[in-house]
Amino acid sequence: MEQVGFIVWRESVEALLVVGILHSWLNGSAQGRRGLPWLWAGVGAGLLLAGALAGVLLGISSWLSDSGQEWFQALMALAACALVVQMVIWMRRHGRGLKRDLETDASAQIGRQQWWGLFALVMIAVAREGSETVVFLYGTVLTSQRQGDAGAMMLAGLGGFALALLTFWLLQLGGRIITWRRFFRVTEMLLLALASALLVSATDRLISLEVLPTLVDPVWDSSWLLDTAGGLGKVLADFAGYRAYPALSQLLIWLAYWGIVVWLLHRASLAATSEVRRGSPAAAPQADSLASPR
């Protein structure tokens, strides 16, 4: 349940950020306020697209056999892992210029009086966040041992969204403790840890399907120290892929994952710094004032 709440919280904050930037910018002029209905229509359309994706995934899952379900669960966990990493790397590289880029795109649409363009911009942005949430949640739920507890998962999702609204409000205050820059730095590490847990869950499925060899199974037994049945061990299993009895292949894949992620983050940081240096002097502080009004 903690994974569900965290995913909804983090992705909802990012969606609120995009909508907040555009709403503040549009609301700053009489001409821009004419586009507010198109903004909210784009939000609704983006949510409908994300809901349609959820329906498609549920439909596909219900058609599969038992072995097909195992394959589908492994593939969904891998897809969710890859999507988390891609999103974090994208935000690391483009987060500083997100506000500027969104406003530039919206200004171009308004200047040409192409409200459908603004609608499409918002729809794609919201659908992207919504589809990421759907894939993350689907990959997490499929690999969870408590798939049948739909009511608890729904409550966790609602709690995550409520917390996202509170977080967005606090971040809008622009305090020194909680800033957009710190928020993304902390949550991107948590997201990457969660992605590693999804990756390990996928290896569990692939090993059970006898597709992935174990090499050595287990490498160690740490259940006497941290048992995955409850407490801290379970939290680490859910959020970081900890296993008390890991196979050597799982361990090697987990280590390779973090090696690749650290390399990608370093490259993204260098690229972001280079873009800021090439851009205007005002581009650098964008990450701490992403949703501030004009």
Protein backbone atom coordinates (compact mmCIF):
# COMPACT_ATOMS: atom_id res chain seq x y z
CA MET A 1 0.00 0.00 0.00
CA GLU A 2 2.89 2.35 0.76
CA GLN A 3 4.10 1.98 -2.83
CA VAL A 4 0.67 2.91 -4.21
CA GLY A 5 0.41 5.99 -2.01
CA PHE A 6 3.94 7.13 -2.88
CA ILE A 7 3.49 6.72 -6.62
CA VAL A 8 0.17 8.60 -6.67
CA TRP A 9 1.64 11.34 -4.46
CA ARG A 10 4.77 11.89 -6.57
CA GLU A 11 3.07 11.75 -9.97
CA SER A 12 0.14 13.91 -8.83
CA VAL A 13 2.53 16.62 -7.63
CA GLU A 14 4.23 16.61 -11.03
CA ALA A 15 0.89 16.84 -12.85
CA LEU A 16 -0.22 19.66 -10.54
CA LEU A 17 3.06 21.41 -11.28
CA VAL A 18 2.43 21.39 -15.03
CA VAL A 19 -1.18 22.54 -14.66
CA GLY A 20 -0.16 25.14 -12.07
CA ILE A 21 2.47 26.68 -14.33
CA LEU A 22 0.08 27.01 -17.25
CA HIS A 23 -2.82 28.22 -15.09
CA SER A 24 -0.70 30.94 -13.47
CA TRP A 25 0.63 32.06 -16.84
CA LEU A 26 -2.79 32.11 -18.55
CA ASN A 27 -4.38 33.90 -15.62
CA GLY A 28 -1.85 36.73 -15.94
CA SER A 29 -3.54 38.41 -18.91
CA ALA A 30 -7.03 38.98 -20.29
CA GLN A 31 -6.11 37.17 -23.51
CA GLY A 32 -4.67 34.24 -21.59
CA ARG A 33 -7.78 33.87 -19.42
CA ARG A 34 -9.73 33.03 -22.58
CA GLY A 35 -7.70 29.83 -22.73
CA LEU A 36 -8.57 28.62 -19.20
CA PRO A 37 -11.55 26.51 -20.40
CA TRP A 38 -9.22 24.86 -22.90
CA LEU A 39 -6.73 24.21 -20.11
CA TRP A 40 -9.31 22.37 -17.98
CA ALA A 41 -10.66 20.53 -21.02
CA GLY A 42 -7.10 19.33 -21.71
CA VAL A 43 -6.79 18.14 -18.11
CA GLY A 44 -10.01 16.14 -18.44
CA ALA A 45 -8.98 14.65 -21.78
CA GLY A 46 -5.58 13.65 -20.38
CA LEU A 47 -7.22 11.88 -17.44
CA LEU A 48 -9.58 10.06 -19.82
CA LEU A 49 -6.61 8.83 -21.88
CA ALA A 50 -4.88 7.54 -18.75
CA GLY A 51 -8.12 5.80 -17.72
CA ALA A 52 -8.39 4.23 -21.16
CA LEU A 53 -4.87 2.84 -20.79
CA ALA A 54 -5.83 1.31 -17.44
CA GLY A 55 -8.84 -0.34 -19.09
CA VAL A 56 -6.68 -1.76 -21.88
CA LEU A 57 -4.19 -3.22 -19.39
CA LEU A 58 -6.98 -4.82 -17.36
CA GLY A 59 -8.50 -6.26 -20.51
CA ILE A 60 -5.21 -7.74 -21.69
CA SER A 61 -4.53 -9.29 -18.28
CA SER A 62 -7.95 -10.97 -18.12
CA TRP A 63 -7.40 -12.72 -21.47
CA LEU A 64 -4.11 -14.38 -20.53
CA SER A 65 -3.49 -17.91 -19.27
CA ASP A 66 -1.62 -18.63 -16.04
CA SER A 67 1.79 -18.71 -17.73
CA GLY A 68 0.77 -15.71 -19.82
CA GLN A 69 -0.06 -13.86 -16.59
CA GLU A 70 3.44 -14.60 -15.28
CA TRP A 71 5.01 -13.22 -18.46
CA PHE A 72 2.72 -10.18 -18.44
CA GLN A 73 3.54 -9.41 -14.81
CA ALA A 74 7.27 -9.64 -15.48
CA LEU A 75 7.03 -7.44 -18.57
CA MET A 76 4.87 -4.84 -16.79
CA ALA A 77 7.34 -4.66 -13.90
CA LEU A 78 10.21 -4.18 -16.36
CA ALA A 79 8.25 -1.52 -18.26
CA ALA A 80 7.42 0.33 -15.04
CA CYS A 81 11.08 0.20 -13.99
CA ALA A 82 12.25 1.59 -17.33
CA LEU A 83 9.58 4.31 -17.24
CA VAL A 84 10.60 5.43 -13.76
CA VAL A 85 14.24 5.74 -14.79
CA GLN A 86 13.34 7.56 -18.01
CA MET A 87 11.13 10.03 -16.13
CA VAL A 88 13.75 10.77 -13.47
CA ILE A 89 16.48 11.29 -16.08
CA TRP A 90 14.18 13.56 -18.12
CA MET A 91 13.33 15.70 -15.09
CA ARG A 92 17.00 15.88 -14.06
CA ARG A 93 17.88 17.18 -17.53
CA HIS A 94 14.89 19.43 -18.32
CA GLY A 95 13.45 20.39 -14.92
CA ARG A 96 15.24 23.74 -14.76
CA GLY A 97 13.69 24.90 -18.01
CA LEU A 98 10.27 23.29 -17.59
CA LYS A 99 8.47 26.50 -16.66
CA ARG A 100 10.10 28.45 -19.47
CA ASP A 101 9.42 25.74 -22.07
CA LEU A 102 5.77 25.34 -21.10
CA GLU A 103 5.17 29.09 -21.20
CA THR A 104 6.93 29.40 -24.56
CA ASP A 105 4.78 26.65 -26.08
CA ALA A 106 1.59 28.14 -24.64
CA SER A 107 2.55 31.64 -25.83
CA ALA A 108 3.06 30.33 -29.36
CA GLN A 109 -0.40 28.75 -29.35
CA ILE A 110 -2.08 31.86 -27.95
CA GLY A 111 -0.22 34.14 -30.36
CA ARG A 112 -1.70 32.16 -33.24
CA GLN A 113 -5.08 31.90 -31.47
CA GLN A 114 -4.80 28.12 -31.75
CA TRP A 115 -6.66 27.08 -28.63
CA TRP A 116 -6.74 23.49 -29.87
CA GLY A 117 -2.95 23.56 -29.69
CA LEU A 118 -3.11 24.62 -26.03
CA PHE A 119 -5.68 21.88 -25.42
CA ALA A 120 -3.37 19.29 -27.01
CA LEU A 121 -0.36 20.55 -25.02
CA VAL A 122 -2.19 20.15 -21.70
CA MET A 123 -3.79 16.85 -22.70
CA ILE A 124 -0.44 15.31 -23.63
CA ALA A 125 1.23 16.59 -20.46
CA VAL A 126 -1.50 15.27 -18.16
CA ALA A 127 -1.87 12.02 -20.10
CA ARG A 128 1.87 11.46 -19.79
CA GLU A 129 1.76 11.80 -16.02
CA GLY A 130 -1.44 9.76 -15.80
CA SER A 131 -0.14 6.97 -18.01
CA GLU A 132 3.08 6.81 -16.00
CA THR A 133 1.00 6.47 -12.85
CA VAL A 134 -1.12 3.71 -14.41
CA VAL A 135 1.92 1.71 -15.54
CA PHE A 136 3.73 2.20 -12.21
CA LEU A 137 0.69 1.17 -10.21
CA TYR A 138 -0.11 -1.76 -12.48
CA GLY A 139 3.44 -3.06 -12.30
CA THR A 140 3.45 -2.63 -8.52
CA VAL A 141 0.05 -4.24 -7.93
CA LEU A 142 0.83 -7.21 -10.17
CA THR A 143 4.01 -7.96 -8.26
CA SER A 144 2.38 -7.42 -4.85
CA GLN A 145 1.25 -10.29 -2.67
CA ARG A 146 -1.94 -8.39 -1.78
CA GLN A 147 -3.52 -7.94 -5.15
CA GLY A 148 -7.04 -8.59 -3.89
CA ASP A 149 -7.13 -5.71 -1.39
CA ALA A 150 -8.63 -3.26 -3.87
CA GLY A 151 -10.32 -1.11 -1.21
CA ALA A 152 -7.09 -0.52 0.70
CA MET A 153 -5.25 0.33 -2.52
CA MET A 154 -7.95 2.83 -3.48
CA LEU A 155 -7.68 4.48 -0.06
CA ALA A 156 -3.89 4.58 -0.43
CA GLY A 157 -4.28 6.25 -3.83
CA LEU A 158 -6.73 8.82 -2.48
CA GLY A 159 -4.42 9.48 0.45
CA GLY A 160 -1.52 9.96 -1.94
CA PHE A 161 -3.52 12.47 -4.00
CA ALA A 162 -4.60 14.39 -0.89
CA LEU A 163 -0.98 14.52 0.25
CA ALA A 164 0.00 15.75 -3.23
CA LEU A 165 -2.40 18.68 -2.92
CA LEU A 166 -0.92 19.56 0.48
CA THR A 167 2.64 19.18 -0.84
CA PHE A 168 1.90 21.39 -3.84
CA TRP A 169 0.46 24.06 -1.56
CA LEU A 170 3.52 23.96 0.71
CA LEU A 171 5.89 24.12 -2.25
CA GLN A 172 3.97 27.11 -3.62
CA LEU A 173 4.81 28.98 -0.41
CA GLY A 174 8.45 28.91 -1.53
CA GLY A 175 9.92 28.06 1.86
CA ARG A 176 13.61 27.52 2.42
CA ILE A 177 13.15 24.00 3.81
CA ILE A 178 10.85 22.57 1.15
CA THR A 179 11.69 23.77 -2.35
CA TRP A 180 11.00 22.29 -5.76
CA ARG A 181 14.68 21.50 -6.21
CA ARG A 182 14.90 19.59 -2.91
CA PHE A 183 11.57 17.89 -3.54
CA PHE A 184 12.69 16.47 -6.88
CA ARG A 185 16.10 15.46 -5.56
CA VAL A 186 14.64 13.47 -2.65
CA THR A 187 11.76 11.91 -4.53
CA GLU A 188 13.86 10.95 -7.55
CA MET A 189 16.06 8.82 -5.28
CA LEU A 190 12.97 7.17 -3.77
CA LEU A 191 11.57 6.56 -7.25
CA LEU A 192 14.81 4.99 -8.42
CA ALA A 193 14.85 2.73 -5.35
CA LEU A 194 11.25 1.73 -6.13
CA ALA A 195 12.25 1.02 -9.73
CA SER A 196 14.98 -1.31 -8.46
CA ALA A 197 12.34 -3.15 -6.42
CA LEU A 198 10.22 -3.55 -9.57
CA LEU A 199 13.27 -4.87 -11.42
CA VAL A 200 13.95 -7.46 -8.72
CA SER A 201 10.27 -8.47 -8.75
CA ALA A 202 10.56 -9.02 -12.50
CA THR A 203 13.60 -11.24 -11.96
CA ASP A 204 11.55 -13.26 -9.44
CA ARG A 205 9.00 -13.94 -12.19
CA LEU A 206 11.65 -14.72 -14.81
CA ILE A 207 13.38 -17.16 -12.46
CA SER A 208 10.06 -18.92 -11.74
CA LEU A 209 9.51 -19.18 -15.51
CA GLU A 210 13.00 -20.72 -15.78
CA VAL A 211 14.04 -18.01 -18.22
CA LEU A 212 16.65 -16.41 -15.95
CA PRO A 213 19.24 -18.75 -14.40
CA THR A 214 19.93 -18.29 -10.70
CA LEU A 215 23.69 -19.06 -11.01
CA VAL A 216 23.92 -19.39 -7.23
CA ASP A 217 20.78 -19.65 -5.10
CA PRO A 218 20.89 -18.26 -2.52
CA VAL A 219 24.02 -16.14 -2.26
CA TRP A 220 23.31 -15.57 1.44
CA ASP A 221 20.61 -15.92 4.09
CA SER A 222 20.02 -12.69 5.98
CA SER A 223 16.55 -13.56 7.25
CA TRP A 224 17.91 -13.74 10.79
CA LEU A 225 18.79 -10.05 10.52
CA LEU A 226 16.08 -8.63 8.23
CA ASP A 227 13.11 -10.79 7.35
CA THR A 228 10.97 -9.67 4.40
CA ALA A 229 7.81 -10.87 6.16
CA GLY A 230 7.48 -7.63 8.11
CA GLY A 231 9.13 -4.61 9.67
CA LEU A 232 12.11 -2.88 8.11
CA GLY A 233 12.90 -5.89 5.94
CA LYS A 234 9.51 -5.67 4.24
CA VAL A 235 9.87 -1.92 3.68
CA LEU A 236 13.27 -2.47 2.06
CA ALA A 237 11.82 -5.31 -0.04
CA ASP A 238 8.95 -3.13 -1.26
CA PHE A 239 10.98 0.02 -1.89
CA ALA A 240 14.51 -1.17 -2.73
CA GLY A 241 14.28 -4.79 -3.88
CA TYR A 242 15.87 -6.32 -0.78
CA ARG A 243 15.81 -10.12 -0.65
CA ALA A 244 16.78 -12.25 2.34
CA TYR A 245 17.64 -15.14 -0.02
CA PRO A 246 18.89 -13.50 -3.23
CA ALA A 247 20.00 -15.44 -6.28
CA LEU A 248 23.34 -14.39 -7.73
CA SER A 249 21.71 -13.36 -11.02
CA GLN A 250 19.33 -11.05 -9.13
CA LEU A 251 22.20 -9.49 -7.23
CA LEU A 252 24.24 -8.89 -10.39
CA ILE A 253 21.25 -7.34 -12.18
CA TRP A 254 20.51 -5.10 -9.18
CA LEU A 255 24.13 -3.89 -9.06
CA ALA A 256 24.18 -3.31 -12.83
CA TYR A 257 20.95 -1.31 -12.53
CA TRP A 258 22.44 1.11 -10.00
CA GLY A 259 25.67 1.41 -11.98
CA ILE A 260 23.73 2.39 -15.11
CA VAL A 261 21.43 4.75 -13.19
CA VAL A 262 24.34 6.63 -11.58
CA TRP A 263 25.98 7.01 -15.01
CA LEU A 264 22.74 8.29 -16.59
CA LEU A 265 22.16 10.77 -13.75
CA HIS A 266 25.69 12.11 -14.14
CA ARG A 267 25.21 12.57 -17.88
CA ALA A 268 21.82 14.26 -17.36
CA SER A 269 23.29 16.67 -14.79
CA LEU A 270 26.13 17.60 -17.14
CA ALA A 271 23.66 18.15 -20.00
CA ALA A 272 21.40 20.31 -17.81
CA THR A 273 24.34 22.44 -16.67
CA SER A 274 25.50 22.86 -20.25
CA GLU A 275 22.03 23.96 -21.38
CA VAL A 276 21.79 26.52 -18.58
CA ARG A 277 25.19 27.97 -19.49
CA ARG A 278 24.16 28.26 -23.13
CA GLY A 279 20.79 29.77 -22.21
CA SER A 280 19.81 33.00 -20.54
CA PRO A 281 21.11 33.89 -17.06
CA ALA A 282 17.58 33.67 -15.69
CA ALA A 283 17.25 30.01 -16.64
CA ALA A 284 19.20 28.59 -13.69
CA PRO A 285 16.80 29.31 -10.79
CA GLN A 286 13.75 27.93 -12.59
CA ALA A 287 13.71 24.70 -10.58
CA ASP A 288 12.96 26.50 -7.33
CA SER A 289 10.16 28.65 -8.75
CA LEU A 290 8.55 26.35 -11.28
CA ALA A 291 4.97 27.18 -10.55
CA SER A 292 5.30 30.80 -9.48
CA PRO A 293 3.11 33.37 -11.25
CA ARG A 294 4.55 35.70 -13.83
